[in-house]
Full PDB file with SEQRES, HELIX, SHEET, SSBOND, CRYST1, ORIGX, SCALE, CONECT and MASTER records, all heavy atoms in Angstrom:
SEQRES   1 A   30  ARG PHE LEU ARG ASP TRP ARG ILE VAL MET GLU LYS LEU          
SEQRES   2 A   30  ALA ALA ILE ASP PRO VAL GLY LYS VAL LEU PHE GLU LEU          
SEQRES   3 A   30  ILE LYS GLU HIS                                              
HELIX    1 AA1 ASP A    5  ILE A   16  1                                  12    
HELIX    2 AA2 PRO A   18  GLY A   20  5                                   3    
HELIX    3 AA3 LYS A   21  GLU A   29  1                                   9    
CRYST1    1.000    1.000    1.000  90.00  90.00  90.00 P 1           1          
ORIGX1      1.000000  0.000000  0.000000        0.00000                         
ORIGX2      0.000000  1.000000  0.000000        0.00000                         
ORIGX3      0.000000  0.000000  1.000000        0.00000                         
SCALE1      1.000000  0.000000  0.000000        0.00000                         
SCALE2      0.000000  1.000000  0.000000        0.00000                         
SCALE3      0.000000  0.000000  1.000000        0.00000                         
ATOM      1  N   ARG A   1       7.439 -75.829   7.170  1.00  0.00           N  
ATOM      2  CA  ARG A   1       7.381 -74.341   6.829  1.00  0.00           C  
ATOM      3  C   ARG A   1       7.725 -74.037   5.459  1.00  0.00           C  
ATOM      4  O   ARG A   1       7.044 -73.237   4.797  1.00  0.00           O  
ATOM      5  CB  ARG A   1       8.191 -73.411   7.799  1.00  0.00           C  
ATOM      6  CG  ARG A   1       7.631 -73.472   9.210  1.00  0.00           C  
ATOM      7  CD  ARG A   1       8.248 -72.455   9.979  1.00  0.00           C  
ATOM      8  NE  ARG A   1       9.629 -72.540  10.221  1.00  0.00           N  
ATOM      9  CZ  ARG A   1      10.307 -73.245  11.128  1.00  0.00           C  
ATOM     10  NH1 ARG A   1       9.416 -73.888  12.124  1.00  0.00           N  
ATOM     11  NH2 ARG A   1      11.574 -73.221  11.311  1.00  0.00           N  
ATOM     12  N   PHE A   2       8.696 -74.646   4.892  1.00  0.00           N  
ATOM     13  CA  PHE A   2       9.077 -74.264   3.530  1.00  0.00           C  
ATOM     14  C   PHE A   2       8.155 -74.955   2.601  1.00  0.00           C  
ATOM     15  O   PHE A   2       7.836 -74.338   1.506  1.00  0.00           O  
ATOM     16  CB  PHE A   2      10.442 -74.885   3.121  1.00  0.00           C  
ATOM     17  CG  PHE A   2      11.734 -73.945   3.534  1.00  0.00           C  
ATOM     18  CD1 PHE A   2      12.324 -73.999   4.602  1.00  0.00           C  
ATOM     19  CD2 PHE A   2      11.916 -72.903   2.696  1.00  0.00           C  
ATOM     20  CE1 PHE A   2      13.382 -73.241   5.044  1.00  0.00           C  
ATOM     21  CE2 PHE A   2      12.972 -71.939   2.897  1.00  0.00           C  
ATOM     22  CZ  PHE A   2      13.718 -72.188   4.139  1.00  0.00           C  
ATOM     23  N   LEU A   3       7.604 -75.922   2.851  1.00  0.00           N  
ATOM     24  CA  LEU A   3       6.715 -76.734   1.989  1.00  0.00           C  
ATOM     25  C   LEU A   3       5.333 -75.956   1.935  1.00  0.00           C  
ATOM     26  O   LEU A   3       4.643 -75.900   0.813  1.00  0.00           O  
ATOM     27  CB  LEU A   3       6.425 -78.144   2.387  1.00  0.00           C  
ATOM     28  CG  LEU A   3       5.497 -79.131   1.585  1.00  0.00           C  
ATOM     29  CD1 LEU A   3       5.977 -79.140   0.138  1.00  0.00           C  
ATOM     30  CD2 LEU A   3       5.370 -80.448   2.200  1.00  0.00           C  
ATOM     31  N   ARG A   4       4.988 -75.446   3.001  1.00  0.00           N  
ATOM     32  CA  ARG A   4       3.653 -74.850   3.006  1.00  0.00           C  
ATOM     33  C   ARG A   4       3.576 -73.479   3.489  1.00  0.00           C  
ATOM     34  O   ARG A   4       3.129 -72.499   2.695  1.00  0.00           O  
ATOM     35  CB  ARG A   4       2.808 -75.622   4.211  1.00  0.00           C  
ATOM     36  CG  ARG A   4       1.376 -75.087   4.433  1.00  0.00           C  
ATOM     37  CD  ARG A   4       0.792 -75.828   5.491  1.00  0.00           C  
ATOM     38  NE  ARG A   4      -0.584 -75.279   5.873  1.00  0.00           N  
ATOM     39  CZ  ARG A   4      -1.289 -75.666   6.884  1.00  0.00           C  
ATOM     40  NH1 ARG A   4      -0.931 -76.608   7.732  1.00  0.00           N  
ATOM     41  NH2 ARG A   4      -2.405 -75.145   7.066  1.00  0.00           N  
ATOM     42  N   ASP A   5       4.106 -73.000   4.502  1.00  0.00           N  
ATOM     43  CA  ASP A   5       3.881 -71.655   5.133  1.00  0.00           C  
ATOM     44  C   ASP A   5       4.583 -70.496   4.358  1.00  0.00           C  
ATOM     45  O   ASP A   5       3.939 -69.541   4.067  1.00  0.00           O  
ATOM     46  CB  ASP A   5       4.431 -71.666   6.538  1.00  0.00           C  
ATOM     47  CG  ASP A   5       3.658 -72.571   7.566  1.00  0.00           C  
ATOM     48  OD1 ASP A   5       2.445 -72.720   7.340  1.00  0.00           O  
ATOM     49  OD2 ASP A   5       4.271 -73.197   8.393  1.00  0.00           O  
ATOM     50  N   TRP A   6       5.793 -70.737   3.928  1.00  0.00           N  
ATOM     51  CA  TRP A   6       6.502 -69.650   3.268  1.00  0.00           C  
ATOM     52  C   TRP A   6       5.854 -69.371   1.887  1.00  0.00           C  
ATOM     53  O   TRP A   6       5.790 -68.350   1.392  1.00  0.00           O  
ATOM     54  CB  TRP A   6       7.893 -69.887   3.214  1.00  0.00           C  
ATOM     55  CG  TRP A   6       8.733 -69.587   4.375  1.00  0.00           C  
ATOM     56  CD1 TRP A   6       9.443 -70.522   5.197  1.00  0.00           C  
ATOM     57  CD2 TRP A   6       8.932 -68.271   5.007  1.00  0.00           C  
ATOM     58  NE1 TRP A   6       9.892 -69.815   6.207  1.00  0.00           N  
ATOM     59  CE2 TRP A   6       9.667 -68.584   6.159  1.00  0.00           C  
ATOM     60  CE3 TRP A   6       8.442 -67.015   4.702  1.00  0.00           C  
ATOM     61  CZ2 TRP A   6       9.970 -67.439   7.039  1.00  0.00           C  
ATOM     62  CZ3 TRP A   6       8.839 -65.988   5.626  1.00  0.00           C  
ATOM     63  CH2 TRP A   6       9.522 -66.312   6.679  1.00  0.00           C  
ATOM     64  N   ARG A   7       5.269 -70.487   1.224  1.00  0.00           N  
ATOM     65  CA  ARG A   7       4.668 -70.235  -0.045  1.00  0.00           C  
ATOM     66  C   ARG A   7       3.225 -69.600   0.180  1.00  0.00           C  
ATOM     67  O   ARG A   7       2.923 -68.654  -0.724  1.00  0.00           O  
ATOM     68  CB  ARG A   7       4.412 -71.647  -0.632  1.00  0.00           C  
ATOM     69  CG  ARG A   7       5.735 -72.335  -1.190  1.00  0.00           C  
ATOM     70  CD  ARG A   7       5.280 -73.516  -2.055  1.00  0.00           C  
ATOM     71  NE  ARG A   7       6.485 -74.055  -2.664  1.00  0.00           N  
ATOM     72  CZ  ARG A   7       7.145 -75.162  -2.545  1.00  0.00           C  
ATOM     73  NH1 ARG A   7       6.678 -76.021  -1.580  1.00  0.00           N  
ATOM     74  NH2 ARG A   7       8.251 -75.515  -3.199  1.00  0.00           N  
ATOM     75  N   ILE A   8       2.649 -69.758   1.351  1.00  0.00           N  
ATOM     76  CA  ILE A   8       1.403 -69.038   1.596  1.00  0.00           C  
ATOM     77  C   ILE A   8       1.678 -67.533   1.775  1.00  0.00           C  
ATOM     78  O   ILE A   8       1.027 -66.651   1.412  1.00  0.00           O  
ATOM     79  CB  ILE A   8       0.774 -69.630   2.932  1.00  0.00           C  
ATOM     80  CG1 ILE A   8       0.207 -71.004   2.502  1.00  0.00           C  
ATOM     81  CG2 ILE A   8      -0.406 -68.781   3.371  1.00  0.00           C  
ATOM     82  CD1 ILE A   8      -0.460 -71.669   3.812  1.00  0.00           C  
ATOM     83  N   VAL A   9       2.876 -67.445   2.516  1.00  0.00           N  
ATOM     84  CA  VAL A   9       3.186 -65.835   2.712  1.00  0.00           C  
ATOM     85  C   VAL A   9       3.518 -65.314   1.380  1.00  0.00           C  
ATOM     86  O   VAL A   9       3.037 -64.079   1.173  1.00  0.00           O  
ATOM     87  CB  VAL A   9       4.513 -65.821   3.515  1.00  0.00           C  
ATOM     88  CG1 VAL A   9       5.214 -64.461   3.492  1.00  0.00           C  
ATOM     89  CG2 VAL A   9       4.294 -66.241   4.977  1.00  0.00           C  
ATOM     90  N   MET A  10       4.178 -65.934   0.506  1.00  0.00           N  
ATOM     91  CA  MET A  10       4.397 -65.348  -1.003  1.00  0.00           C  
ATOM     92  C   MET A  10       3.134 -65.200  -1.581  1.00  0.00           C  
ATOM     93  O   MET A  10       2.895 -64.038  -2.201  1.00  0.00           O  
ATOM     94  CB  MET A  10       5.252 -66.437  -1.740  1.00  0.00           C  
ATOM     95  CG  MET A  10       5.670 -65.978  -3.025  1.00  0.00           C  
ATOM     96  SD  MET A  10       6.612 -67.042  -4.019  1.00  0.00           S  
ATOM     97  CE  MET A  10       5.469 -68.381  -4.309  1.00  0.00           C  
ATOM     98  N   GLU A  11       2.187 -66.029  -1.503  1.00  0.00           N  
ATOM     99  CA  GLU A  11       0.870 -65.789  -2.234  1.00  0.00           C  
ATOM    100  C   GLU A  11       0.151 -64.671  -1.670  1.00  0.00           C  
ATOM    101  O   GLU A  11      -0.442 -63.781  -2.421  1.00  0.00           O  
ATOM    102  CB  GLU A  11       0.005 -67.099  -2.102  1.00  0.00           C  
ATOM    103  CG  GLU A  11       0.635 -68.289  -2.919  1.00  0.00           C  
ATOM    104  CD  GLU A  11      -0.118 -69.519  -2.548  1.00  0.00           C  
ATOM    105  OE1 GLU A  11      -0.938 -69.581  -1.749  1.00  0.00           O  
ATOM    106  OE2 GLU A  11       0.314 -70.661  -3.090  1.00  0.00           O  
ATOM    107  N   LYS A  12       0.104 -64.572  -0.414  1.00  0.00           N  
ATOM    108  CA  LYS A  12      -0.614 -63.440   0.224  1.00  0.00           C  
ATOM    109  C   LYS A  12      -0.027 -62.038  -0.135  1.00  0.00           C  
ATOM    110  O   LYS A  12      -0.693 -61.080  -0.353  1.00  0.00           O  
ATOM    111  CB  LYS A  12      -0.719 -63.672   1.657  1.00  0.00           C  
ATOM    112  CG  LYS A  12      -1.701 -64.755   1.952  1.00  0.00           C  
ATOM    113  CD  LYS A  12      -2.011 -64.868   3.428  1.00  0.00           C  
ATOM    114  CE  LYS A  12      -3.111 -65.954   3.721  1.00  0.00           C  
ATOM    115  NZ  LYS A  12      -3.545 -66.060   5.184  1.00  0.00           N  
ATOM    116  N   LEU A  13       1.372 -62.004  -0.097  1.00  0.00           N  
ATOM    117  CA  LEU A  13       2.071 -60.767  -0.334  1.00  0.00           C  
ATOM    118  C   LEU A  13       1.718 -60.380  -1.844  1.00  0.00           C  
ATOM    119  O   LEU A  13       1.539 -59.176  -2.063  1.00  0.00           O  
ATOM    120  CB  LEU A  13       3.529 -60.973  -0.204  1.00  0.00           C  
ATOM    121  CG  LEU A  13       4.045 -61.087   1.368  1.00  0.00           C  
ATOM    122  CD1 LEU A  13       5.562 -61.256   1.327  1.00  0.00           C  
ATOM    123  CD2 LEU A  13       3.786 -59.692   2.073  1.00  0.00           C  
ATOM    124  N   ALA A  14       1.808 -61.262  -2.613  1.00  0.00           N  
ATOM    125  CA  ALA A  14       1.475 -60.989  -4.065  1.00  0.00           C  
ATOM    126  C   ALA A  14       0.034 -60.441  -4.276  1.00  0.00           C  
ATOM    127  O   ALA A  14      -0.129 -59.659  -5.143  1.00  0.00           O  
ATOM    128  CB  ALA A  14       1.708 -62.294  -4.930  1.00  0.00           C  
ATOM    129  N   ALA A  15      -0.817 -61.016  -3.375  1.00  0.00           N  
ATOM    130  CA  ALA A  15      -2.282 -60.635  -3.735  1.00  0.00           C  
ATOM    131  C   ALA A  15      -2.605 -59.224  -3.021  1.00  0.00           C  
ATOM    132  O   ALA A  15      -3.497 -58.604  -3.537  1.00  0.00           O  
ATOM    133  CB  ALA A  15      -3.089 -61.767  -3.077  1.00  0.00           C  
ATOM    134  N   ILE A  16      -1.890 -58.867  -1.839  1.00  0.00           N  
ATOM    135  CA  ILE A  16      -2.510 -57.793  -1.192  1.00  0.00           C  
ATOM    136  C   ILE A  16      -1.544 -56.559  -1.015  1.00  0.00           C  
ATOM    137  O   ILE A  16      -2.105 -55.619  -0.659  1.00  0.00           O  
ATOM    138  CB  ILE A  16      -2.856 -58.261   0.219  1.00  0.00           C  
ATOM    139  CG1 ILE A  16      -1.712 -58.799   0.986  1.00  0.00           C  
ATOM    140  CG2 ILE A  16      -3.938 -59.369   0.192  1.00  0.00           C  
ATOM    141  CD1 ILE A  16      -2.098 -59.118   2.496  1.00  0.00           C  
ATOM    142  N   ASP A  17      -0.284 -56.767  -1.219  1.00  0.00           N  
ATOM    143  CA  ASP A  17       0.575 -55.570  -0.730  1.00  0.00           C  
ATOM    144  C   ASP A  17       1.802 -55.433  -1.477  1.00  0.00           C  
ATOM    145  O   ASP A  17       2.687 -56.329  -1.438  1.00  0.00           O  
ATOM    146  CB  ASP A  17       0.803 -55.796   0.737  1.00  0.00           C  
ATOM    147  CG  ASP A  17       1.016 -54.497   1.447  1.00  0.00           C  
ATOM    148  OD1 ASP A  17       1.619 -53.513   0.944  1.00  0.00           O  
ATOM    149  OD2 ASP A  17       0.681 -54.375   2.668  1.00  0.00           O  
ATOM    150  N   PRO A  18       2.000 -54.231  -2.166  1.00  0.00           N  
ATOM    151  CA  PRO A  18       3.322 -54.033  -2.797  1.00  0.00           C  
ATOM    152  C   PRO A  18       4.461 -53.661  -1.774  1.00  0.00           C  
ATOM    153  O   PRO A  18       5.634 -53.802  -2.191  1.00  0.00           O  
ATOM    154  CB  PRO A  18       2.992 -52.760  -3.634  1.00  0.00           C  
ATOM    155  CG  PRO A  18       1.847 -52.134  -2.985  1.00  0.00           C  
ATOM    156  CD  PRO A  18       1.065 -53.175  -2.321  1.00  0.00           C  
ATOM    157  N   VAL A  19       4.083 -53.349  -0.573  1.00  0.00           N  
ATOM    158  CA  VAL A  19       5.220 -53.115   0.428  1.00  0.00           C  
ATOM    159  C   VAL A  19       5.961 -54.424   0.700  1.00  0.00           C  
ATOM    160  O   VAL A  19       7.241 -54.359   0.887  1.00  0.00           O  
ATOM    161  CB  VAL A  19       4.455 -52.647   1.802  1.00  0.00           C  
ATOM    162  CG1 VAL A  19       5.723 -52.427   2.700  1.00  0.00           C  
ATOM    163  CG2 VAL A  19       3.752 -51.328   1.544  1.00  0.00           C  
ATOM    164  N   GLY A  20       5.357 -55.640   0.489  1.00  0.00           N  
ATOM    165  CA  GLY A  20       6.185 -56.750   0.758  1.00  0.00           C  
ATOM    166  C   GLY A  20       6.789 -57.371  -0.515  1.00  0.00           C  
ATOM    167  O   GLY A  20       7.208 -58.592  -0.579  1.00  0.00           O  
ATOM    168  N   LYS A  21       7.016 -56.495  -1.506  1.00  0.00           N  
ATOM    169  CA  LYS A  21       7.547 -56.877  -2.724  1.00  0.00           C  
ATOM    170  C   LYS A  21       8.931 -57.528  -2.658  1.00  0.00           C  
ATOM    171  O   LYS A  21       9.290 -58.595  -3.220  1.00  0.00           O  
ATOM    172  CB  LYS A  21       7.620 -55.782  -3.695  1.00  0.00           C  
ATOM    173  CG  LYS A  21       8.002 -56.179  -5.114  1.00  0.00           C  
ATOM    174  CD  LYS A  21       8.079 -54.981  -6.118  1.00  0.00           C  
ATOM    175  CE  LYS A  21       8.511 -55.333  -7.450  1.00  0.00           C  
ATOM    176  NZ  LYS A  21       8.517 -54.306  -8.462  1.00  0.00           N  
ATOM    177  N   VAL A  22       9.825 -57.064  -1.742  1.00  0.00           N  
ATOM    178  CA  VAL A  22      11.196 -57.565  -1.703  1.00  0.00           C  
ATOM    179  C   VAL A  22      11.134 -59.075  -1.197  1.00  0.00           C  
ATOM    180  O   VAL A  22      11.834 -59.953  -1.636  1.00  0.00           O  
ATOM    181  CB  VAL A  22      12.032 -56.680  -0.774  1.00  0.00           C  
ATOM    182  CG1 VAL A  22      13.438 -57.335  -0.583  1.00  0.00           C  
ATOM    183  CG2 VAL A  22      12.177 -55.256  -1.398  1.00  0.00           C  
ATOM    184  N   LEU A  23      10.343 -59.197   0.003  1.00  0.00           N  
ATOM    185  CA  LEU A  23      10.176 -60.525   0.403  1.00  0.00           C  
ATOM    186  C   LEU A  23       9.522 -61.540  -0.584  1.00  0.00           C  
ATOM    187  O   LEU A  23       9.966 -62.644  -0.773  1.00  0.00           O  
ATOM    188  CB  LEU A  23       9.377 -60.501   1.747  1.00  0.00           C  
ATOM    189  CG  LEU A  23       9.020 -61.816   2.349  1.00  0.00           C  
ATOM    190  CD1 LEU A  23      10.372 -62.611   2.724  1.00  0.00           C  
ATOM    191  CD2 LEU A  23       8.291 -61.621   3.548  1.00  0.00           C  
ATOM    192  N   PHE A  24       8.423 -61.050  -1.335  1.00  0.00           N  
ATOM    193  CA  PHE A  24       7.904 -61.819  -2.265  1.00  0.00           C  
ATOM    194  C   PHE A  24       8.873 -62.305  -3.363  1.00  0.00           C  
ATOM    195  O   PHE A  24       9.027 -63.437  -3.785  1.00  0.00           O  
ATOM    196  CB  PHE A  24       6.787 -60.886  -2.999  1.00  0.00           C  
ATOM    197  CG  PHE A  24       6.231 -61.720  -4.247  1.00  0.00           C  
ATOM    198  CD1 PHE A  24       5.236 -62.646  -4.095  1.00  0.00           C  
ATOM    199  CD2 PHE A  24       6.507 -61.215  -5.508  1.00  0.00           C  
ATOM    200  CE1 PHE A  24       4.744 -63.190  -5.258  1.00  0.00           C  
ATOM    201  CE2 PHE A  24       6.103 -61.717  -6.625  1.00  0.00           C  
ATOM    202  CZ  PHE A  24       5.140 -62.879  -6.535  1.00  0.00           C  
ATOM    203  N   GLU A  25       9.738 -61.395  -3.829  1.00  0.00           N  
ATOM    204  CA  GLU A  25      10.669 -61.715  -4.874  1.00  0.00           C  
ATOM    205  C   GLU A  25      11.702 -62.625  -4.376  1.00  0.00           C  
ATOM    206  O   GLU A  25      12.240 -63.609  -5.061  1.00  0.00           O  
ATOM    207  CB  GLU A  25      11.327 -60.384  -5.340  1.00  0.00           C  
ATOM    208  CG  GLU A  25      10.353 -59.495  -6.234  1.00  0.00           C  
ATOM    209  CD  GLU A  25       9.909 -60.069  -7.518  1.00  0.00           C  
ATOM    210  OE1 GLU A  25      10.511 -61.076  -7.997  1.00  0.00           O  
ATOM    211  OE2 GLU A  25       8.913 -59.526  -8.005  1.00  0.00           O  
ATOM    212  N   LEU A  26      12.094 -62.518  -3.178  1.00  0.00           N  
ATOM    213  CA  LEU A  26      13.135 -63.366  -2.474  1.00  0.00           C  
ATOM    214  C   LEU A  26      12.641 -64.803  -2.375  1.00  0.00           C  
ATOM    215  O   LEU A  26      13.253 -65.762  -2.663  1.00  0.00           O  
ATOM    216  CB  LEU A  26      13.528 -62.848  -1.119  1.00  0.00           C  
ATOM    217  CG  LEU A  26      14.749 -63.632  -0.397  1.00  0.00           C  
ATOM    218  CD1 LEU A  26      15.911 -63.559  -1.243  1.00  0.00           C  
ATOM    219  CD2 LEU A  26      14.867 -63.104   0.977  1.00  0.00           C  
ATOM    220  N   ILE A  27      11.387 -64.931  -1.851  1.00  0.00           N  
ATOM    221  CA  ILE A  27      10.708 -66.221  -1.746  1.00  0.00           C  
ATOM    222  C   ILE A  27      10.604 -66.922  -3.177  1.00  0.00           C  
ATOM    223  O   ILE A  27      10.974 -68.064  -3.367  1.00  0.00           O  
ATOM    224  CB  ILE A  27       9.461 -66.195  -0.909  1.00  0.00           C  
ATOM    225  CG1 ILE A  27       9.608 -65.626   0.469  1.00  0.00           C  
ATOM    226  CG2 ILE A  27       8.868 -67.583  -0.911  1.00  0.00           C  
ATOM    227  CD1 ILE A  27       8.444 -65.459   1.227  1.00  0.00           C  
ATOM    228  N   LYS A  28      10.077 -66.023  -4.078  1.00  0.00           N  
ATOM    229  CA  LYS A  28       9.898 -66.607  -5.495  1.00  0.00           C  
ATOM    230  C   LYS A  28      11.121 -66.961  -6.090  1.00  0.00           C  
ATOM    231  O   LYS A  28      11.187 -68.068  -6.723  1.00  0.00           O  
ATOM    232  CB  LYS A  28       9.329 -65.508  -6.264  1.00  0.00           C  
ATOM    233  CG  LYS A  28       8.855 -65.863  -7.653  1.00  0.00           C  
ATOM    234  CD  LYS A  28       8.220 -64.766  -8.509  1.00  0.00           C  
ATOM    235  CE  LYS A  28       7.934 -65.186  -9.833  1.00  0.00           C  
ATOM    236  NZ  LYS A  28       7.269 -64.089 -10.629  1.00  0.00           N  
ATOM    237  N   GLU A  29      12.313 -66.318  -5.804  1.00  0.00           N  
ATOM    238  CA  GLU A  29      13.485 -66.659  -6.500  1.00  0.00           C  
ATOM    239  C   GLU A  29      14.052 -68.033  -5.941  1.00  0.00           C  
ATOM    240  O   GLU A  29      14.713 -68.776  -6.850  1.00  0.00           O  
ATOM    241  CB  GLU A  29      14.643 -65.611  -5.985  1.00  0.00           C  
ATOM    242  CG  GLU A  29      16.006 -65.946  -6.526  1.00  0.00           C  
ATOM    243  CD  GLU A  29      17.067 -64.982  -5.912  1.00  0.00           C  
ATOM    244  OE1 GLU A  29      16.648 -63.996  -5.338  1.00  0.00           O  
ATOM    245  OE2 GLU A  29      18.218 -65.180  -6.104  1.00  0.00           O  
ATOM    246  N   HIS A  30      13.812 -68.443  -4.690  1.00  0.00           N  
ATOM    247  CA  HIS A  30      14.262 -69.772  -4.177  1.00  0.00           C  
ATOM    248  C   HIS A  30      13.236 -70.824  -4.192  1.00  0.00           C  
ATOM    249  O   HIS A  30      13.422 -71.984  -3.735  1.00  0.00           O  
ATOM    250  CB  HIS A  30      14.753 -69.468  -2.799  1.00  0.00           C  
ATOM    251  CG  HIS A  30      16.045 -68.657  -2.670  1.00  0.00           C  
ATOM    252  ND1 HIS A  30      17.259 -69.053  -2.830  1.00  0.00           N  
ATOM    253  CD2 HIS A  30      16.033 -67.265  -2.310  1.00  0.00           C  
ATOM    254  CE1 HIS A  30      18.184 -68.082  -2.770  1.00  0.00           C  
ATOM    255  NE2 HIS A  30      17.539 -67.102  -2.405  1.00  0.00           N  
TER     256      HIS A  30                                                      
MASTER        0    0    0    3    0    0    0    6  255    1    0    3          
END                                                                             
């Protein structure tokens, strides 16, 4: 999940929705 799925979540949040910015920044940080 870390290798694939959470990175996909980050990419989709960055592409489509500012509401998920906190989660996007958290995943990006780690």
